[in-house]
Amino acid sequence: MNNYLIPANSKRSMLILGWFKLIDLIIFGVGIGLSVLLMIVFGTGTVKDMLFDLTPAIITSIMVLPVPNHRNIWNLTLNIYNYLVNQRNYKWRGWCILHGEEETSEK
């Protein structure tokens, strides 16, 4: 009998630092880069300006934060986005319509 023991953390070994996928680090890097660019262009004169400049970094940090069921939340978000953005064409076939347009007879 071949009984194989799979360790509980086998999927985590495929992640960078055990937590992140490559796309997570790319998203985080883009957010940090955009924040640095905003700081260079607009400057950080007041606290309001600094919060404006750090908004991309804060949002992307929250997006890649390793929380339980992180991948499930990503998939749910992607499904909701696809549902709202993609065009849907529902074809109705009710019990009163026969395979096409309803025929009307005028007498």
C-alpha atoms as a PDB file:
ATOM      1  CA  MET A   1       0.000   0.000   0.000  1.00  0.00           C
ATOM      2  CA  ASN A   2       1.250   3.420  -0.941  1.00  0.00           C
ATOM      3  CA  ASN A   3       0.098   5.840   1.704  1.00  0.00           C
ATOM      4  CA  TYR A   4       1.397   9.331   1.086  1.00  0.00           C
ATOM      5  CA  LEU A   5       1.404  11.976   3.739  1.00  0.00           C
ATOM      6  CA  ILE A   6       0.859  15.497   2.385  1.00  0.00           C
ATOM      7  CA  PRO A   7       2.002  18.237   4.746  1.00  0.00           C
ATOM      8  CA  ALA A   8      -0.541  20.880   5.685  1.00  0.00           C
ATOM      9  CA  ASN A   9       1.630  23.700   4.355  1.00  0.00           C
ATOM     10  CA  SER A  10       2.384  22.190   0.934  1.00  0.00           C
ATOM     11  CA  LYS A  11       0.511  24.932  -0.925  1.00  0.00           C
ATOM     12  CA  ARG A  12       2.278  27.680   1.016  1.00  0.00           C
ATOM     13  CA  SER A  13       5.631  26.418  -0.239  1.00  0.00           C
ATOM     14  CA  MET A  14       4.608  27.492  -3.746  1.00  0.00           C
ATOM     15  CA  LEU A  15       4.135  31.119  -2.595  1.00  0.00           C
ATOM     16  CA  ILE A  16       6.799  33.805  -2.259  1.00  0.00           C
ATOM     17  CA  LEU A  17       7.761  34.083   1.427  1.00  0.00           C
ATOM     18  CA  GLY A  18       4.948  31.612   2.066  1.00  0.00           C
ATOM     19  CA  TRP A  19       2.280  34.304   1.663  1.00  0.00           C
ATOM     20  CA  PHE A  20       2.352  36.043  -1.721  1.00  0.00           C
ATOM     21  CA  LYS A  21       1.954  35.201  -5.389  1.00  0.00           C
ATOM     22  CA  LEU A  22       3.911  37.082  -8.029  1.00  0.00           C
ATOM     23  CA  ILE A  23       0.798  39.065  -9.032  1.00  0.00           C
ATOM     24  CA  ASP A  24       0.420  40.228  -5.402  1.00  0.00           C
ATOM     25  CA  LEU A  25       3.931  41.653  -5.388  1.00  0.00           C
ATOM     26  CA  ILE A  26       3.380  43.285  -8.784  1.00  0.00           C
ATOM     27  CA  ILE A  27       0.170  44.968  -7.545  1.00  0.00           C
ATOM     28  CA  PHE A  28       1.927  46.119  -4.369  1.00  0.00           C
ATOM     29  CA  GLY A  29       4.932  47.404  -6.351  1.00  0.00           C
ATOM     30  CA  VAL A  30       2.682  49.393  -8.712  1.00  0.00           C
ATOM     31  CA  GLY A  31       0.896  50.975  -5.723  1.00  0.00           C
ATOM     32  CA  ILE A  32       4.164  51.913  -4.031  1.00  0.00           C
ATOM     33  CA  GLY A  33       5.592  53.239  -7.302  1.00  0.00           C
ATOM     34  CA  LEU A  34       2.504  55.343  -7.943  1.00  0.00           C
ATOM     35  CA  SER A  35       2.652  56.746  -4.411  1.00  0.00           C
ATOM     36  CA  VAL A  36       6.318  57.689  -4.808  1.00  0.00           C
ATOM     37  CA  LEU A  37       5.533  59.311  -8.155  1.00  0.00           C
ATOM     38  CA  LEU A  38       2.677  61.313  -6.585  1.00  0.00           C
ATOM     39  CA  MET A  39       4.985  62.443  -3.777  1.00  0.00           C
ATOM     40  CA  ILE A  40       7.571  63.640  -6.287  1.00  0.00           C
ATOM     41  CA  VAL A  41       5.056  65.433  -8.505  1.00  0.00           C
ATOM     42  CA  PHE A  42       2.742  66.989  -5.908  1.00  0.00           C
ATOM     43  CA  GLY A  43       4.921  67.044  -2.806  1.00  0.00           C
ATOM     44  CA  THR A  44       3.841  66.460   0.774  1.00  0.00           C
ATOM     45  CA  GLY A  45       3.160  69.902   2.192  1.00  0.00           C
ATOM     46  CA  THR A  46       0.254  69.029   4.452  1.00  0.00           C
ATOM     47  CA  VAL A  47      -1.176  65.907   6.038  1.00  0.00           C
ATOM     48  CA  LYS A  48      -4.019  65.973   3.505  1.00  0.00           C
ATOM     49  CA  ASP A  49      -1.517  65.972   0.634  1.00  0.00           C
ATOM     50  CA  MET A  50       0.412  63.121   2.213  1.00  0.00           C
ATOM     51  CA  LEU A  51      -2.737  61.013   2.626  1.00  0.00           C
ATOM     52  CA  PHE A  52      -3.638  61.709  -1.001  1.00  0.00           C
ATOM     53  CA  ASP A  53      -0.166  60.640  -2.104  1.00  0.00           C
ATOM     54  CA  LEU A  54      -0.217  57.470   0.014  1.00  0.00           C
ATOM     55  CA  THR A  55      -3.707  56.359  -1.094  1.00  0.00           C
ATOM     56  CA  PRO A  56      -2.469  53.978  -3.860  1.00  0.00           C
ATOM     57  CA  ALA A  57       0.015  52.347  -1.465  1.00  0.00           C
ATOM     58  CA  ILE A  58      -2.628  51.941   1.241  1.00  0.00           C
ATOM     59  CA  ILE A  59      -5.202  50.464  -1.158  1.00  0.00           C
ATOM     60  CA  THR A  60      -2.767  48.006  -2.728  1.00  0.00           C
ATOM     61  CA  SER A  61      -1.443  47.019   0.703  1.00  0.00           C
ATOM     62  CA  ILE A  62      -4.968  46.148   1.795  1.00  0.00           C
ATOM     63  CA  MET A  63      -5.519  44.245  -1.459  1.00  0.00           C
ATOM     64  CA  VAL A  64      -2.505  41.965  -0.944  1.00  0.00           C
ATOM     65  CA  LEU A  65      -2.711  41.696   2.847  1.00  0.00           C
ATOM     66  CA  PRO A  66      -2.555  37.983   3.715  1.00  0.00           C
ATOM     67  CA  VAL A  67      -5.841  37.306   5.499  1.00  0.00           C
ATOM     68  CA  PRO A  68      -7.664  33.997   5.914  1.00  0.00           C
ATOM     69  CA  ASN A  69      -9.613  33.031   2.778  1.00  0.00           C
ATOM     70  CA  HIS A  70      -7.663  35.669   0.832  1.00  0.00           C
ATOM     71  CA  ARG A  71      -7.927  33.752  -2.441  1.00  0.00           C
ATOM     72  CA  ASN A  72     -11.656  33.183  -1.949  1.00  0.00           C
ATOM     73  CA  ILE A  73     -12.184  36.932  -1.553  1.00  0.00           C
ATOM     74  CA  TRP A  74     -10.174  37.582  -4.734  1.00  0.00           C
ATOM     75  CA  ASN A  75     -12.256  35.052  -6.670  1.00  0.00           C
ATOM     76  CA  LEU A  76     -15.497  36.525  -5.321  1.00  0.00           C
ATOM     77  CA  THR A  77     -14.359  40.029  -6.279  1.00  0.00           C
ATOM     78  CA  LEU A  78     -13.409  38.832  -9.768  1.00  0.00           C
ATOM     79  CA  ASN A  79     -16.777  37.096 -10.207  1.00  0.00           C
ATOM     80  CA  ILE A  80     -18.680  40.212  -9.109  1.00  0.00           C
ATOM     81  CA  TYR A  81     -16.594  42.386 -11.457  1.00  0.00           C
ATOM     82  CA  ASN A  82     -17.177  40.026 -14.394  1.00  0.00           C
ATOM     83  CA  TYR A  83     -20.902  39.925 -13.644  1.00  0.00           C
ATOM     84  CA  LEU A  84     -21.193  43.717 -13.557  1.00  0.00           C
ATOM     85  CA  VAL A  85     -18.966  44.451 -16.566  1.00  0.00           C
ATOM     86  CA  ASN A  86     -19.658  41.706 -19.091  1.00  0.00           C
ATOM     87  CA  GLN A  87     -22.695  41.885 -21.317  1.00  0.00           C
ATOM     88  CA  ARG A  88     -25.287  39.261 -20.566  1.00  0.00           C
ATOM     89  CA  ASN A  89     -27.768  38.003 -23.120  1.00  0.00           C
ATOM     90  CA  TYR A  90     -30.550  35.990 -21.545  1.00  0.00           C
ATOM     91  CA  LYS A  91     -32.768  34.021 -23.883  1.00  0.00           C
ATOM     92  CA  TRP A  92     -36.215  33.499 -22.507  1.00  0.00           C
ATOM     93  CA  ARG A  93     -38.178  30.442 -23.457  1.00  0.00           C
ATOM     94  CA  GLY A  94     -41.312  30.507 -21.451  1.00  0.00           C
ATOM     95  CA  TRP A  95     -44.130  28.028 -21.556  1.00  0.00           C
ATOM     96  CA  CYS A  96     -46.196  30.324 -23.766  1.00  0.00           C
ATOM     97  CA  ILE A  97     -43.639  30.930 -26.567  1.00  0.00           C
ATOM     98  CA  LEU A  98     -42.657  28.248 -29.068  1.00  0.00           C
ATOM     99  CA  HIS A  99     -39.006  28.359 -30.164  1.00  0.00           C
ATOM    100  CA  GLY A 100     -38.987  31.869 -31.570  1.00  0.00           C
ATOM    101  CA  GLU A 101     -41.131  34.926 -31.931  1.00  0.00           C
ATOM    102  CA  GLU A 102     -44.687  34.843 -30.763  1.00  0.00           C
ATOM    103  CA  GLU A 103     -47.071  34.480 -33.661  1.00  0.00           C
ATOM    104  CA  THR A 104     -50.035  36.774 -33.728  1.00  0.00           C
ATOM    105  CA  SER A 105     -52.922  36.032 -36.005  1.00  0.00           C
ATOM    106  CA  GLU A 106     -55.020  38.936 -37.199  1.00  0.00           C
ATOM    107  CA  LYS A 107     -58.524  38.176 -38.418  1.00  0.00           C
END
